[in-house]
Amino acid sequence: MKKKFLVVVVLVLLGPLSSRAAIGLKAGLNFANVTGTSSINPGSRSGYVVGVFFGGPPTGLLSFRTEFLLSRQGYDFGSNTTTGSVDLNYLLMPVLMGLNLGPIAQIQFGAQVAYLLNAKVAGASTGDPTADKLLDLFNRFDYGLAGGIEVTPVSWFLVGARLNLSFGNLYKDLSGTASPSFFPSVKAKNNVVQLYAGFQF
């Protein structure tokens, strides 16, 4: 898994070389949840996304974008016995192709890898100190697709919306060990809607 992750990171770093260099900053809101967790009635959890991007400006039909983002994600949960929330801080590295729709609008789509920096859970515990070591419960690496639309009303300012869909399992398979109440399924996956604004130079 680590070798595959490093290969993807190299491809991500090489992405901007295929287009005229540009750099920008962006920040916005996340509306995050997980799939495959109906047993705990998951709810959306808001967070933030902030980071930098590199790539070519929207000239011609196609352009390319690589981003390095800090992203606060997670979900709320509830069952017959407990309620609480899960906060997950990721480093996201999407590499995107842009389909330019005229001078100001662009549809973006591509692949994304992510690394879990830390995790925090409020309202739940197994009572087992070993099982409560949160990062031991989660898969640190994630991967998936990202896509959305971005509008540049002026050359230096942009706004956009994006959907991130993860293919990797959020939790490890801990069969035979104590499972916390927020640990609904080894097949739980992240999904995030992002709304953001930024500046490019």
C-alpha atoms as a PDB file:
ATOM      1  CA  MET A   1       0.000   0.000   0.000  1.00  0.00           C
ATOM      2  CA  LYS A   2       2.796   2.444   0.898  1.00  0.00           C
ATOM      3  CA  LYS A   3       4.610   1.777  -2.393  1.00  0.00           C
ATOM      4  CA  LYS A   4       1.419   2.423  -4.354  1.00  0.00           C
ATOM      5  CA  PHE A   5       0.867   5.623  -2.382  1.00  0.00           C
ATOM      6  CA  LEU A   6       4.383   6.883  -3.200  1.00  0.00           C
ATOM      7  CA  VAL A   7       3.881   6.149  -6.908  1.00  0.00           C
ATOM      8  CA  VAL A   8       0.655   8.152  -6.907  1.00  0.00           C
ATOM      9  CA  VAL A   9       2.360  11.038  -5.074  1.00  0.00           C
ATOM     10  CA  VAL A  10       5.079  11.168  -7.749  1.00  0.00           C
ATOM     11  CA  LEU A  11       2.404  11.306 -10.458  1.00  0.00           C
ATOM     12  CA  VAL A  12       0.647  14.059  -8.544  1.00  0.00           C
ATOM     13  CA  LEU A  13       3.852  16.092  -8.331  1.00  0.00           C
ATOM     14  CA  LEU A  14       4.462  15.693 -12.051  1.00  0.00           C
ATOM     15  CA  GLY A  15       0.942  16.788 -12.990  1.00  0.00           C
ATOM     16  CA  PRO A  16       1.592  20.559 -13.197  1.00  0.00           C
ATOM     17  CA  LEU A  17       4.567  20.084 -15.529  1.00  0.00           C
ATOM     18  CA  SER A  18       2.153  19.361 -18.372  1.00  0.00           C
ATOM     19  CA  SER A  19       0.793  22.912 -18.350  1.00  0.00           C
ATOM     20  CA  ARG A  20       1.916  26.482 -17.908  1.00  0.00           C
ATOM     21  CA  ALA A  21       2.826  27.099 -14.263  1.00  0.00           C
ATOM     22  CA  ALA A  22       0.405  28.866 -11.938  1.00  0.00           C
ATOM     23  CA  ILE A  23      -0.019  28.885  -8.178  1.00  0.00           C
ATOM     24  CA  GLY A  24      -2.944  29.679  -5.918  1.00  0.00           C
ATOM     25  CA  LEU A  25      -4.448  29.514  -2.444  1.00  0.00           C
ATOM     26  CA  LYS A  26      -7.902  28.230  -1.545  1.00  0.00           C
ATOM     27  CA  ALA A  27     -10.054  27.738   1.547  1.00  0.00           C
ATOM     28  CA  GLY A  28     -13.606  26.703   2.225  1.00  0.00           C
ATOM     29  CA  LEU A  29     -16.120  24.496   3.999  1.00  0.00           C
ATOM     30  CA  ASN A  30     -16.493  20.718   4.083  1.00  0.00           C
ATOM     31  CA  PHE A  31     -19.772  18.866   4.517  1.00  0.00           C
ATOM     32  CA  ALA A  32     -18.580  15.348   5.314  1.00  0.00           C
ATOM     33  CA  ASN A  33     -20.221  12.009   5.964  1.00  0.00           C
ATOM     34  CA  VAL A  34     -19.566   8.294   5.500  1.00  0.00           C
ATOM     35  CA  THR A  35     -21.301   5.572   3.495  1.00  0.00           C
ATOM     36  CA  GLY A  36     -22.039   2.007   4.538  1.00  0.00           C
ATOM     37  CA  THR A  37     -22.900   2.905   8.141  1.00  0.00           C
ATOM     38  CA  SER A  38     -26.698   2.789   8.396  1.00  0.00           C
ATOM     39  CA  SER A  39     -26.470   0.894  11.701  1.00  0.00           C
ATOM     40  CA  ILE A  40     -25.342   4.035  13.524  1.00  0.00           C
ATOM     41  CA  ASN A  41     -27.500   6.643  11.755  1.00  0.00           C
ATOM     42  CA  PRO A  42     -24.554   8.738  10.499  1.00  0.00           C
ATOM     43  CA  GLY A  43     -24.985  12.479  10.128  1.00  0.00           C
ATOM     44  CA  SER A  44     -23.052  15.100   8.197  1.00  0.00           C
ATOM     45  CA  ARG A  45     -20.300  16.972   9.957  1.00  0.00           C
ATOM     46  CA  SER A  46     -18.983  20.356   8.834  1.00  0.00           C
ATOM     47  CA  GLY A  47     -15.291  21.196   8.707  1.00  0.00           C
ATOM     48  CA  TYR A  48     -12.785  23.175   6.708  1.00  0.00           C
ATOM     49  CA  VAL A  49     -10.458  22.757   3.745  1.00  0.00           C
ATOM     50  CA  VAL A  50      -7.417  24.946   3.101  1.00  0.00           C
ATOM     51  CA  GLY A  51      -4.334  24.624   0.931  1.00  0.00           C
ATOM     52  CA  VAL A  52      -2.423  25.453  -2.219  1.00  0.00           C
ATOM     53  CA  PHE A  53      -2.731  24.426  -5.853  1.00  0.00           C
ATOM     54  CA  PHE A  54      -0.384  24.303  -8.826  1.00  0.00           C
ATOM     55  CA  GLY A  55      -1.058  24.021 -12.525  1.00  0.00           C
ATOM     56  CA  GLY A  56      -1.991  25.847 -15.666  1.00  0.00           C
ATOM     57  CA  PRO A  57      -4.556  28.640 -15.973  1.00  0.00           C
ATOM     58  CA  PRO A  58      -7.745  27.845 -17.933  1.00  0.00           C
ATOM     59  CA  THR A  59      -6.507  28.371 -21.508  1.00  0.00           C
ATOM     60  CA  GLY A  60      -7.637  26.209 -24.391  1.00  0.00           C
ATOM     61  CA  LEU A  61      -9.935  23.240 -23.907  1.00  0.00           C
ATOM     62  CA  LEU A  62      -8.001  21.363 -21.198  1.00  0.00           C
ATOM     63  CA  SER A  63      -5.899  22.309 -18.181  1.00  0.00           C
ATOM     64  CA  PHE A  64      -4.394  20.494 -15.202  1.00  0.00           C
ATOM     65  CA  ARG A  65      -4.374  21.078 -11.463  1.00  0.00           C
ATOM     66  CA  THR A  66      -2.518  19.553  -8.514  1.00  0.00           C
ATOM     67  CA  GLU A  67      -3.506  20.460  -4.957  1.00  0.00           C
ATOM     68  CA  PHE A  68      -2.195  19.945  -1.424  1.00  0.00           C
ATOM     69  CA  LEU A  69      -5.001  20.446   1.093  1.00  0.00           C
ATOM     70  CA  LEU A  70      -5.635  20.126   4.812  1.00  0.00           C
ATOM     71  CA  SER A  71      -9.158  18.790   5.223  1.00  0.00           C
ATOM     72  CA  ARG A  72     -11.271  18.371   8.387  1.00  0.00           C
ATOM     73  CA  GLN A  73     -13.781  15.566   7.804  1.00  0.00           C
ATOM     74  CA  GLY A  74     -15.731  13.014   9.831  1.00  0.00           C
ATOM     75  CA  TYR A  75     -19.317  12.237  10.829  1.00  0.00           C
ATOM     76  CA  ASP A  76     -21.818  12.290  13.668  1.00  0.00           C
ATOM     77  CA  PHE A  77     -23.249   8.995  14.925  1.00  0.00           C
ATOM     78  CA  GLY A  78     -26.074   7.759  17.073  1.00  0.00           C
ATOM     79  CA  SER A  79     -27.376   4.417  18.301  1.00  0.00           C
ATOM     80  CA  ASN A  80     -29.595   3.082  21.068  1.00  0.00           C
ATOM     81  CA  THR A  81     -26.758   3.393  23.563  1.00  0.00           C
ATOM     82  CA  THR A  82     -24.611   6.369  22.599  1.00  0.00           C
ATOM     83  CA  THR A  83     -24.163   9.424  20.394  1.00  0.00           C
ATOM     84  CA  GLY A  84     -21.068  11.332  19.423  1.00  0.00           C
ATOM     85  CA  SER A  85     -18.867  12.576  16.615  1.00  0.00           C
ATOM     86  CA  VAL A  86     -15.729  11.592  14.745  1.00  0.00           C
ATOM     87  CA  ASP A  87     -13.259  14.258  13.549  1.00  0.00           C
ATOM     88  CA  LEU A  88     -10.690  13.249  10.934  1.00  0.00           C
ATOM     89  CA  ASN A  89      -7.879  15.487   9.680  1.00  0.00           C
ATOM     90  CA  TYR A  90      -6.507  14.516   6.272  1.00  0.00           C
ATOM     91  CA  LEU A  91      -3.821  15.695   3.903  1.00  0.00           C
ATOM     92  CA  LEU A  92      -5.483  15.505   0.469  1.00  0.00           C
ATOM     93  CA  MET A  93      -3.529  15.387  -2.792  1.00  0.00           C
ATOM     94  CA  PRO A  94      -5.849  15.526  -5.818  1.00  0.00           C
ATOM     95  CA  VAL A  95      -4.595  15.727  -9.399  1.00  0.00           C
ATOM     96  CA  LEU A  96      -7.313  17.011 -11.714  1.00  0.00           C
ATOM     97  CA  MET A  97      -8.002  17.606 -15.369  1.00  0.00           C
ATOM     98  CA  GLY A  98     -10.073  20.675 -16.195  1.00  0.00           C
ATOM     99  CA  LEU A  99     -12.511  20.921 -19.084  1.00  0.00           C
ATOM    100  CA  ASN A 100     -12.846  24.632 -19.805  1.00  0.00           C
ATOM    101  CA  LEU A 101     -16.348  25.878 -20.583  1.00  0.00           C
ATOM    102  CA  GLY A 102     -15.593  29.296 -21.952  1.00  0.00           C
ATOM    103  CA  PRO A 103     -13.364  31.901 -20.292  1.00  0.00           C
ATOM    104  CA  ILE A 104     -14.674  31.685 -16.719  1.00  0.00           C
ATOM    105  CA  ALA A 105     -16.075  28.192 -15.995  1.00  0.00           C
ATOM    106  CA  GLN A 106     -14.332  24.839 -15.705  1.00  0.00           C
ATOM    107  CA  ILE A 107     -15.423  21.274 -14.937  1.00  0.00           C
ATOM    108  CA  GLN A 108     -12.744  19.428 -12.942  1.00  0.00           C
ATOM    109  CA  PHE A 109     -12.332  15.681 -12.439  1.00  0.00           C
ATOM    110  CA  GLY A 110      -9.545  13.330 -11.451  1.00  0.00           C
ATOM    111  CA  ALA A 111      -7.985  11.092  -8.823  1.00  0.00           C
ATOM    112  CA  GLN A 112      -7.158  11.814  -5.199  1.00  0.00           C
ATOM    113  CA  VAL A 113      -5.003  10.244  -2.516  1.00  0.00           C
ATOM    114  CA  ALA A 114      -5.156  11.121   1.166  1.00  0.00           C
ATOM    115  CA  TYR A 115      -3.233  10.546   4.377  1.00  0.00           C
ATOM    116  CA  LEU A 116      -4.924  10.602   7.786  1.00  0.00           C
ATOM    117  CA  LEU A 117      -2.994  12.948  10.070  1.00  0.00           C
ATOM    118  CA  ASN A 118      -5.028  12.483  13.254  1.00  0.00           C
ATOM    119  CA  ALA A 119      -8.429  11.430  14.560  1.00  0.00           C
ATOM    120  CA  LYS A 120     -10.624  12.434  17.489  1.00  0.00           C
ATOM    121  CA  VAL A 121     -13.814  10.832  18.765  1.00  0.00           C
ATOM    122  CA  ALA A 122     -16.234  12.439  21.216  1.00  0.00           C
ATOM    123  CA  GLY A 123     -18.876  10.432  23.053  1.00  0.00           C
ATOM    124  CA  ALA A 124     -17.591   6.875  22.672  1.00  0.00           C
ATOM    125  CA  SER A 125     -15.097   4.476  24.187  1.00  0.00           C
ATOM    126  CA  THR A 126     -14.615   0.731  24.271  1.00  0.00           C
ATOM    127  CA  GLY A 127     -13.307   0.764  27.822  1.00  0.00           C
ATOM    128  CA  ASP A 128     -10.246  -0.990  26.416  1.00  0.00           C
ATOM    129  CA  PRO A 129      -7.170   1.341  26.314  1.00  0.00           C
ATOM    130  CA  THR A 130      -5.639  -0.660  23.484  1.00  0.00           C
ATOM    131  CA  ALA A 131      -8.734  -0.447  21.298  1.00  0.00           C
ATOM    132  CA  ASP A 132      -9.090   3.247  22.122  1.00  0.00           C
ATOM    133  CA  LYS A 133      -5.813   4.103  20.356  1.00  0.00           C
ATOM    134  CA  LEU A 134      -7.692   5.767  17.534  1.00  0.00           C
ATOM    135  CA  LEU A 135      -5.106   5.757  14.780  1.00  0.00           C
ATOM    136  CA  ASP A 136      -4.760   2.003  15.236  1.00  0.00           C
ATOM    137  CA  LEU A 137      -8.405   1.656  14.196  1.00  0.00           C
ATOM    138  CA  PHE A 138      -8.224   3.691  10.974  1.00  0.00           C
ATOM    139  CA  ASN A 139      -6.530   3.083   7.658  1.00  0.00           C
ATOM    140  CA  ARG A 140      -4.050   5.926   7.317  1.00  0.00           C
ATOM    141  CA  PHE A 141      -4.115   5.945   3.472  1.00  0.00           C
ATOM    142  CA  ASP A 142      -7.186   6.638   1.362  1.00  0.00           C
ATOM    143  CA  TYR A 143      -7.860   7.034  -2.348  1.00  0.00           C
ATOM    144  CA  GLY A 144     -10.750   7.913  -4.630  1.00  0.00           C
ATOM    145  CA  LEU A 145     -12.163  10.367  -7.157  1.00  0.00           C
ATOM    146  CA  ALA A 146     -12.790  14.093  -7.040  1.00  0.00           C
ATOM    147  CA  GLY A 147     -14.877  16.248  -9.340  1.00  0.00           C
ATOM    148  CA  GLY A 148     -16.724  19.522  -9.473  1.00  0.00           C
ATOM    149  CA  ILE A 149     -17.079  22.909 -11.083  1.00  0.00           C
ATOM    150  CA  GLU A 150     -15.055  26.092 -10.661  1.00  0.00           C
ATOM    151  CA  VAL A 151     -15.837  29.635 -11.776  1.00  0.00           C
ATOM    152  CA  THR A 152     -13.287  32.432 -12.225  1.00  0.00           C
ATOM    153  CA  PRO A 153     -15.278  35.704 -12.442  1.00  0.00           C
ATOM    154  CA  VAL A 154     -12.003  37.663 -12.585  1.00  0.00           C
ATOM    155  CA  SER A 155      -8.545  36.385 -13.486  1.00  0.00           C
ATOM    156  CA  TRP A 156      -7.248  36.258  -9.896  1.00  0.00           C
ATOM    157  CA  PHE A 157     -10.340  35.120  -7.956  1.00  0.00           C
ATOM    158  CA  LEU A 158     -12.189  31.786  -8.079  1.00  0.00           C
ATOM    159  CA  VAL A 159     -15.067  29.971  -6.393  1.00  0.00           C
ATOM    160  CA  GLY A 160     -16.021  26.341  -6.715  1.00  0.00           C
ATOM    161  CA  ALA A 161     -17.813  23.233  -5.489  1.00  0.00           C
ATOM    162  CA  ARG A 162     -16.449  19.695  -5.413  1.00  0.00           C
ATOM    163  CA  LEU A 163     -17.459  16.154  -4.457  1.00  0.00           C
ATOM    164  CA  ASN A 164     -14.855  13.726  -3.089  1.00  0.00           C
ATOM    165  CA  LEU A 165     -15.715  10.009  -3.147  1.00  0.00           C
ATOM    166  CA  SER A 166     -13.374   7.585  -1.377  1.00  0.00           C
ATOM    167  CA  PHE A 167     -12.871   3.984  -2.461  1.00  0.00           C
ATOM    168  CA  GLY A 168     -10.693   2.954   0.484  1.00  0.00           C
ATOM    169  CA  ASN A 169     -12.163   1.570   3.706  1.00  0.00           C
ATOM    170  CA  LEU A 170     -12.122   4.071   6.554  1.00  0.00           C
ATOM    171  CA  TYR A 171     -11.557   1.438   9.240  1.00  0.00           C
ATOM    172  CA  LYS A 172      -9.245  -1.534   9.481  1.00  0.00           C
ATOM    173  CA  ASP A 173     -10.646  -5.036   9.755  1.00  0.00           C
ATOM    174  CA  LEU A 174     -10.387  -5.703  13.493  1.00  0.00           C
ATOM    175  CA  SER A 175     -12.250  -9.004  13.573  1.00  0.00           C
ATOM    176  CA  GLY A 176     -12.102 -10.641  16.962  1.00  0.00           C
ATOM    177  CA  THR A 177     -11.274  -7.456  18.902  1.00  0.00           C
ATOM    178  CA  ALA A 178     -13.423  -5.048  20.907  1.00  0.00           C
ATOM    179  CA  SER A 179     -15.157  -2.602  18.567  1.00  0.00           C
ATOM    180  CA  PRO A 180     -16.111   0.925  19.622  1.00  0.00           C
ATOM    181  CA  SER A 181     -19.657   2.172  19.073  1.00  0.00           C
ATOM    182  CA  PHE A 182     -18.409   4.543  16.362  1.00  0.00           C
ATOM    183  CA  PHE A 183     -16.844   1.597  14.489  1.00  0.00           C
ATOM    184  CA  PRO A 184     -19.826   0.598  12.328  1.00  0.00           C
ATOM    185  CA  SER A 185     -18.324  -1.330   9.430  1.00  0.00           C
ATOM    186  CA  VAL A 186     -14.958  -2.060   7.830  1.00  0.00           C
ATOM    187  CA  LYS A 187     -16.598  -0.956   4.570  1.00  0.00           C
ATOM    188  CA  ALA A 188     -17.307   2.606   5.735  1.00  0.00           C
ATOM    189  CA  LYS A 189     -16.013   5.172   3.227  1.00  0.00           C
ATOM    190  CA  ASN A 190     -15.534   8.946   3.309  1.00  0.00           C
ATOM    191  CA  ASN A 191     -17.553  11.277   1.130  1.00  0.00           C
ATOM    192  CA  VAL A 192     -17.200  15.047   1.244  1.00  0.00           C
ATOM    193  CA  VAL A 193     -18.812  18.050  -0.447  1.00  0.00           C
ATOM    194  CA  GLN A 194     -16.518  21.096  -0.565  1.00  0.00           C
ATOM    195  CA  LEU A 195     -17.441  24.744  -1.180  1.00  0.00           C
ATOM    196  CA  TYR A 196     -14.442  27.023  -1.528  1.00  0.00           C
ATOM    197  CA  ALA A 197     -12.973  30.305  -2.738  1.00  0.00           C
ATOM    198  CA  GLY A 198      -9.410  31.168  -3.661  1.00  0.00           C
ATOM    199  CA  PHE A 199      -6.839  33.365  -5.343  1.00  0.00           C
ATOM    200  CA  GLN A 200      -4.468  32.486  -8.174  1.00  0.00           C
ATOM    201  CA  PHE A 201      -1.301  34.215  -9.325  1.00  0.00           C
END
